[in-house]
PDB file of N, CA and C in Angstrom:
ATOM      1  N   MET A   1      57.826 133.979 106.400  1.00  0.00           N
ATOM      2  CA  MET A   1      58.881 133.576 106.972  1.00  0.00           C
ATOM      3  C   MET A   1      59.902 132.516 107.141  1.00  0.00           C
ATOM      4  N   ILE A   2      60.667 132.866 106.637  1.00  0.00           N
ATOM      5  CA  ILE A   2      61.350 131.391 105.770  1.00  0.00           C
ATOM      6  C   ILE A   2      62.739 132.030 107.551  1.00  0.00           C
ATOM      7  N   VAL A   3      62.680 130.173 107.806  1.00  0.00           N
ATOM      8  CA  VAL A   3      63.613 129.839 109.070  1.00  0.00           C
ATOM      9  C   VAL A   3      65.138 129.837 108.655  1.00  0.00           C
ATOM     10  N   ILE A   4      65.972 130.625 109.258  1.00  0.00           N
ATOM     11  CA  ILE A   4      67.688 130.259 108.382  1.00  0.00           C
ATOM     12  C   ILE A   4      68.155 129.163 110.245  1.00  0.00           C
ATOM     13  N   ASP A   5      68.979 128.758 108.771  1.00  0.00           N
ATOM     14  CA  ASP A   5      69.557 127.701 110.234  1.00  0.00           C
ATOM     15  C   ASP A   5      71.225 128.470 110.483  1.00  0.00           C
ATOM     16  N   LYS A   6      71.232 128.825 111.641  1.00  0.00           N
ATOM     17  CA  LYS A   6      72.936 129.744 111.258  1.00  0.00           C
ATOM     18  C   LYS A   6      73.580 128.470 111.752  1.00  0.00           C
ATOM     19  N   ALA A   7      73.541 127.635 112.043  1.00  0.00           N
ATOM     20  CA  ALA A   7      74.918 126.568 112.641  1.00  0.00           C
ATOM     21  C   ALA A   7      75.303 126.666 111.070  1.00  0.00           C
ATOM     22  N   ARG A   8      74.049 125.665 110.312  1.00  0.00           N
ATOM     23  CA  ARG A   8      74.740 125.083 108.952  1.00  0.00           C
ATOM     24  C   ARG A   8      75.365 126.312 108.272  1.00  0.00           C
ATOM     25  N   TYR A   9      75.064 127.321 108.045  1.00  0.00           N
ATOM     26  CA  TYR A   9      75.807 128.703 107.389  1.00  0.00           C
ATOM     27  C   TYR A   9      77.715 128.448 108.610  1.00  0.00           C
ATOM     28  N   VAL A  10      77.755 128.457 109.355  1.00  0.00           N
ATOM     29  CA  VAL A  10      78.534 128.429 110.829  1.00  0.00           C
ATOM     30  C   VAL A  10      79.329 126.897 109.903  1.00  0.00           C
ATOM     31  N   GLU A  11      78.654 126.011 110.021  1.00  0.00           N
ATOM     32  CA  GLU A  11      79.526 124.771 109.410  1.00  0.00           C
ATOM     33  C   GLU A  11      80.223 125.401 108.144  1.00  0.00           C
ATOM     34  N   ILE A  12      79.341 126.083 107.000  1.00  0.00           N
ATOM     35  CA  ILE A  12      80.161 126.548 106.110  1.00  0.00           C
ATOM     36  C   ILE A  12      81.434 126.834 106.387  1.00  0.00           C
ATOM     37  N   GLY A  13      81.017 127.497 106.949  1.00  0.00           N
ATOM     38  CA  GLY A  13      82.288 128.502 106.956  1.00  0.00           C
ATOM     39  C   GLY A  13      83.454 127.959 107.046  1.00  0.00           C
ATOM     40  N   ARG A  14      83.373 127.289 108.263  1.00  0.00           N
ATOM     41  CA  ARG A  14      84.294 126.695 109.033  1.00  0.00           C
ATOM     42  C   ARG A  14      85.232 125.880 107.946  1.00  0.00           C
ATOM     43  N   ARG A  15      83.925 125.095 107.294  1.00  0.00           N
ATOM     44  CA  ARG A  15      84.848 124.040 106.151  1.00  0.00           C
ATOM     45  C   ARG A  15      86.015 125.002 104.974  1.00  0.00           C
ATOM     46  N   ILE A  16      84.806 126.196 104.865  1.00  0.00           N
ATOM     47  CA  ILE A  16      85.548 126.748 103.981  1.00  0.00           C
ATOM     48  C   ILE A  16      86.826 127.356 103.978  1.00  0.00           C
ATOM     49  N   ARG A  17      86.717 127.688 105.199  1.00  0.00           N
ATOM     50  CA  ARG A  17      88.175 128.595 105.612  1.00  0.00           C
ATOM     51  C   ARG A  17      89.518 127.438 106.027  1.00  0.00           C
ATOM     52  N   GLU A  18      88.711 125.723 106.251  1.00  0.00           N
ATOM     53  CA  GLU A  18      89.708 124.869 106.193  1.00  0.00           C
ATOM     54  C   GLU A  18      90.499 125.105 105.052  1.00  0.00           C
ATOM     55  N   ILE A  19      90.142 124.842 103.813  1.00  0.00           N
ATOM     56  CA  ILE A  19      89.885 124.823 102.870  1.00  0.00           C
ATOM     57  C   ILE A  19      91.826 125.614 102.412  1.00  0.00           C
ATOM     58  N   PRO A  20      93.144 125.067 101.727  1.00  0.00           N
ATOM     59  CA  PRO A  20      94.160 125.606 101.825  1.00  0.00           C
ATOM     60  C   PRO A  20      93.851 126.734 100.336  1.00  0.00           C
ATOM     61  N   LEU A  21      93.910 127.626 100.485  1.00  0.00           N
ATOM     62  CA  LEU A  21      93.773 129.186  99.118  1.00  0.00           C
ATOM     63  C   LEU A  21      94.801 128.629  98.240  1.00  0.00           C
ATOM     64  N   GLU A  22      95.516 128.304  98.387  1.00  0.00           N
ATOM     65  CA  GLU A  22      97.197 128.578  97.181  1.00  0.00           C
ATOM     66  C   GLU A  22      96.324 127.549  95.896  1.00  0.00           C
ATOM     67  N   LYS A  23      95.714 125.863  96.689  1.00  0.00           N
ATOM     68  CA  LYS A  23      94.978 125.751  95.330  1.00  0.00           C
ATOM     69  C   LYS A  23      93.523 125.055  95.302  1.00  0.00           C
ATOM     70  N   PRO A  24      92.893 125.437  95.679  1.00  0.00           N
ATOM     71  CA  PRO A  24      91.380 124.337  95.689  1.00  0.00           C
ATOM     72  C   PRO A  24      90.457 124.277  95.037  1.00  0.00           C
ATOM     73  N   CYS A  25      91.448 124.756  93.994  1.00  0.00           N
ATOM     74  CA  CYS A  25      90.646 123.858  92.567  1.00  0.00           C
ATOM     75  C   CYS A  25      91.382 122.070  92.955  1.00  0.00           C
ATOM     76  N   SER A  26      91.831 121.947  93.201  1.00  0.00           N
ATOM     77  CA  SER A  26      92.691 120.677  93.216  1.00  0.00           C
ATOM     78  C   SER A  26      92.550 119.721  94.713  1.00  0.00           C
ATOM     79  N   SER A  27      91.570 121.032  95.282  1.00  0.00           N
ATOM     80  CA  SER A  27      91.086 119.841  96.333  1.00  0.00           C
ATOM     81  C   SER A  27      90.006 119.056  96.117  1.00  0.00           C
ATOM     82  N   TYR A  28      89.885 118.149  96.191  1.00  0.00           N
ATOM     83  CA  TYR A  28      88.453 117.539  96.055  1.00  0.00           C
ATOM     84  C   TYR A  28      87.353 117.607  97.421  1.00  0.00           C
ATOM     85  N   GLU A  29      87.568 118.001  97.600  1.00  0.00           N
ATOM     86  CA  GLU A  29      87.122 118.049  99.503  1.00  0.00           C
ATOM     87  C   GLU A  29      86.089 119.671  98.700  1.00  0.00           C
ATOM     88  N   TRP A  30      86.650 120.551  98.473  1.00  0.00           N
ATOM     89  CA  TRP A  30      86.418 122.018  98.145  1.00  0.00           C
ATOM     90  C   TRP A  30      85.371 122.084  96.421  1.00  0.00           C
ATOM     91  N   GLU A  31      85.696 120.613  95.385  1.00  0.00           N
ATOM     92  CA  GLU A  31      84.828 120.622  94.417  1.00  0.00           C
ATOM     93  C   GLU A  31      83.737 120.111  94.822  1.00  0.00           C
ATOM     94  N   GLU A  32      83.668 119.121  95.856  1.00  0.00           N
ATOM     95  CA  GLU A  32      82.608 117.971  96.410  1.00  0.00           C
ATOM     96  C   GLU A  32      82.206 119.390  97.068  1.00  0.00           C
ATOM     97  N   LEU A  33      82.349 119.914  97.674  1.00  0.00           N
ATOM     98  CA  LEU A  33      81.533 121.084  98.590  1.00  0.00           C
ATOM     99  C   LEU A  33      80.360 121.917  97.924  1.00  0.00           C
ATOM    100  N   VAL A  34      81.443 122.870  96.375  1.00  0.00           N
ATOM    101  CA  VAL A  34      80.700 123.393  95.715  1.00  0.00           C
ATOM    102  C   VAL A  34      79.954 122.712  94.787  1.00  0.00           C
ATOM    103  N   GLN A  35      79.796 121.642  95.012  1.00  0.00           N
ATOM    104  CA  GLN A  35      78.744 121.247  93.412  1.00  0.00           C
ATOM    105  C   GLN A  35      78.262 121.059  95.061  1.00  0.00           C
ATOM    106  N   LYS A  36      78.142 120.290  95.930  1.00  0.00           N
ATOM    107  CA  LYS A  36      76.379 120.872  96.865  1.00  0.00           C
ATOM    108  C   LYS A  36      76.356 121.631  96.768  1.00  0.00           C
ATOM    109  N   LEU A  37      76.612 123.079  96.984  1.00  0.00           N
ATOM    110  CA  LEU A  37      75.826 124.568  97.192  1.00  0.00           C
ATOM    111  C   LEU A  37      75.760 124.419  95.706  1.00  0.00           C
ATOM    112  N   CYS A  38      75.622 124.216  94.716  1.00  0.00           N
ATOM    113  CA  CYS A  38      74.760 124.473  93.186  1.00  0.00           C
ATOM    114  C   CYS A  38      72.874 123.415  93.393  1.00  0.00           C
ATOM    115  N   VAL A  39      73.307 122.219  94.162  1.00  0.00           N
ATOM    116  CA  VAL A  39      71.747 121.974  94.023  1.00  0.00           C
ATOM    117  C   VAL A  39      70.950 122.213  95.175  1.00  0.00           C
ATOM    118  N   SER A  40      71.676 122.790  95.796  1.00  0.00           N
ATOM    119  CA  SER A  40      71.142 123.017  97.463  1.00  0.00           C
ATOM    120  C   SER A  40      69.621 124.122  96.948  1.00  0.00           C
ATOM    121  N   ALA A  41      69.199 123.517  97.757  1.00  0.00           N
ATOM    122  CA  ALA A  41      67.878 124.338  97.453  1.00  0.00           C
ATOM    123  C   ALA A  41      67.636 125.652  98.534  1.00  0.00           C
ATOM    124  N   ASP A  42      69.061 126.476  99.088  1.00  0.00           N
ATOM    125  CA  ASP A  42      68.895 127.566 100.128  1.00  0.00           C
ATOM    126  C   ASP A  42      68.984 128.441  98.426  1.00  0.00           C
ATOM    127  N   ASP A  43      68.626 129.023  98.621  1.00  0.00           N
ATOM    128  CA  ASP A  43      68.694 129.994  97.262  1.00  0.00           C
ATOM    129  C   ASP A  43      70.126 131.092  97.808  1.00  0.00           C
ATOM    130  N   LYS A  44      70.628 130.875  98.743  1.00  0.00           N
ATOM    131  CA  LYS A  44      71.779 131.942  99.524  1.00  0.00           C
ATOM    132  C   LYS A  44      73.306 130.791  99.083  1.00  0.00           C
ATOM    133  N   LEU A  45      72.675 129.300  99.488  1.00  0.00           N
ATOM    134  CA  LEU A  45      73.875 129.017  99.300  1.00  0.00           C
ATOM    135  C   LEU A  45      73.504 128.324  98.072  1.00  0.00           C
ATOM    136  N   HIS A  46      72.911 128.481  97.718  1.00  0.00           N
ATOM    137  CA  HIS A  46      73.434 127.796  95.430  1.00  0.00           C
ATOM    138  C   HIS A  46      73.205 129.034  94.802  1.00  0.00           C
ATOM    139  N   ASP A  47      73.544 129.844  94.885  1.00  0.00           N
ATOM    140  CA  ASP A  47      74.289 131.535  94.679  1.00  0.00           C
ATOM    141  C   ASP A  47      75.775 131.822  95.522  1.00  0.00           C
ATOM    142  N   ILE A  48      75.563 130.985  96.437  1.00  0.00           N
ATOM    143  CA  ILE A  48      77.458 130.679  96.662  1.00  0.00           C
ATOM    144  C   ILE A  48      78.495 129.588  95.737  1.00  0.00           C
ATOM    145  N   GLY A  49      77.625 128.685  95.647  1.00  0.00           N
ATOM    146  CA  GLY A  49      78.229 127.655  95.323  1.00  0.00           C
ATOM    147  C   GLY A  49      78.726 127.946  93.367  1.00  0.00           C
ATOM    148  N   LEU A  50      76.708 128.700  92.641  1.00  0.00           N
ATOM    149  CA  LEU A  50      77.419 129.006  91.186  1.00  0.00           C
ATOM    150  C   LEU A  50      78.346 129.827  91.190  1.00  0.00           C
ATOM    151  N   ARG A  51      78.593 130.865  91.874  1.00  0.00           N
ATOM    152  CA  ARG A  51      79.938 131.948  92.081  1.00  0.00           C
ATOM    153  C   ARG A  51      81.070 131.024  92.142  1.00  0.00           C
ATOM    154  N   GLU A  52      81.312 130.104  93.217  1.00  0.00           N
ATOM    155  CA  GLU A  52      82.363 129.650  93.340  1.00  0.00           C
ATOM    156  C   GLU A  52      83.091 128.132  92.112  1.00  0.00           C
ATOM    157  N   LEU A  53      81.654 127.627  91.913  1.00  0.00           N
ATOM    158  CA  LEU A  53      82.156 126.722  90.429  1.00  0.00           C
ATOM    159  C   LEU A  53      82.555 127.890  89.170  1.00  0.00           C
ATOM    160  N   GLU A  54      81.482 128.872  88.920  1.00  0.00           N
ATOM    161  CA  GLU A  54      82.363 130.277  87.633  1.00  0.00           C
ATOM    162  C   GLU A  54      83.965 129.704  88.201  1.00  0.00           C
ATOM    163  N   ILE A  55      84.502 130.444  89.439  1.00  0.00           N
ATOM    164  CA  ILE A  55      86.000 130.166  89.732  1.00  0.00           C
ATOM    165  C   ILE A  55      86.471 129.394  89.722  1.00  0.00           C
ATOM    166  N   LEU A  56      86.213 128.137  89.555  1.00  0.00           N
ATOM    167  CA  LEU A  56      86.555 126.489  89.397  1.00  0.00           C
ATOM    168  C   LEU A  56      86.879 126.436  87.847  1.00  0.00           C
ATOM    169  N   ARG A  57      86.022 126.837  87.517  1.00  0.00           N
ATOM    170  CA  ARG A  57      85.800 127.291  85.814  1.00  0.00           C
ATOM    171  C   ARG A  57      87.162 127.761  85.331  1.00  0.00           C
ATOM    172  N   GLN A  58      86.920 128.990  85.719  1.00  0.00           N
ATOM    173  CA  GLN A  58      88.074 129.519  85.180  1.00  0.00           C
ATOM    174  C   GLN A  58      89.722 129.023  85.834  1.00  0.00           C
ATOM    175  N   LYS A  59      89.631 128.533  86.184  1.00  0.00           N
ATOM    176  CA  LYS A  59      90.922 127.715  86.769  1.00  0.00           C
ATOM    177  C   LYS A  59      91.257 126.440  86.198  1.00  0.00           C
ATOM    178  N   CYS A  60      90.240 125.791  85.921  1.00  0.00           N
ATOM    179  CA  CYS A  60      90.493 124.735  85.189  1.00  0.00           C
ATOM    180  C   CYS A  60      89.366 124.288  84.799  1.00  0.00           C
ATOM    181  N   PRO A  61      89.910 125.215  83.269  1.00  0.00           N
ATOM    182  CA  PRO A  61      88.554 124.800  81.821  1.00  0.00           C
ATOM    183  C   PRO A  61      88.215 123.828  81.119  1.00  0.00           C
ATOM    184  N   ASN A  62      89.629 122.625  81.120  1.00  0.00           N
ATOM    185  CA  ASN A  62      89.121 121.212  81.113  1.00  0.00           C
ATOM    186  C   ASN A  62      88.745 119.774  81.909  1.00  0.00           C
ATOM    187  N   CYS A  63      88.189 121.065  83.050  1.00  0.00           N
ATOM    188  CA  CYS A  63      88.335 119.552  83.980  1.00  0.00           C
ATOM    189  C   CYS A  63      86.399 119.059  83.784  1.00  0.00           C
ATOM    190  N   PRO A  64      86.820 117.607  83.984  1.00  0.00           N
ATOM    191  CA  PRO A  64      85.405 117.469  83.467  1.00  0.00           C
ATOM    192  C   PRO A  64      84.377 117.270  84.234  1.00  0.00           C
ATOM    193  N   VAL A  65      85.140 117.619  85.732  1.00  0.00           N
ATOM    194  CA  VAL A  65      83.803 117.487  87.107  1.00  0.00           C
ATOM    195  C   VAL A  65      82.733 118.560  86.755  1.00  0.00           C
ATOM    196  N   PHE A  66      82.762 119.833  86.021  1.00  0.00           N
ATOM    197  CA  PHE A  66      82.580 120.711  86.170  1.00  0.00           C
ATOM    198  C   PHE A  66      81.449 121.108  84.912  1.00  0.00           C
ATOM    199  N   ARG A  67      81.937 120.355  84.090  1.00  0.00           N
ATOM    200  CA  ARG A  67      81.055 119.904  82.839  1.00  0.00           C
ATOM    201  C   ARG A  67      79.168 119.610  83.242  1.00  0.00           C
ATOM    202  N   SER A  68      79.792 119.150  83.714  1.00  0.00           N
ATOM    203  CA  SER A  68      78.328 119.216  84.054  1.00  0.00           C
ATOM    204  C   SER A  68      77.039 119.645  85.544  1.00  0.00           C
ATOM    205  N   CYS A  69      78.105 120.337  86.248  1.00  0.00           N
ATOM    206  CA  CYS A  69      76.866 121.275  86.893  1.00  0.00           C
ATOM    207  C   CYS A  69      76.402 122.110  86.391  1.00  0.00           C
TER     208      CYS A  69
END
């Protein structure tokens, strides 16, 4: 049985809502959160991280920070 820490998902949702939508690629906090999601052991968070990483790569294809992910 998988135990879901709902507080963890609530915190992630809160952080995501705090990030301004007009320039998510320029937000270091957003980039850092996406990188943490990508290396998460939680499959759902990992998948979210990969989806958001792909969006960031499309917005900023030459950003070196996304090449190592």
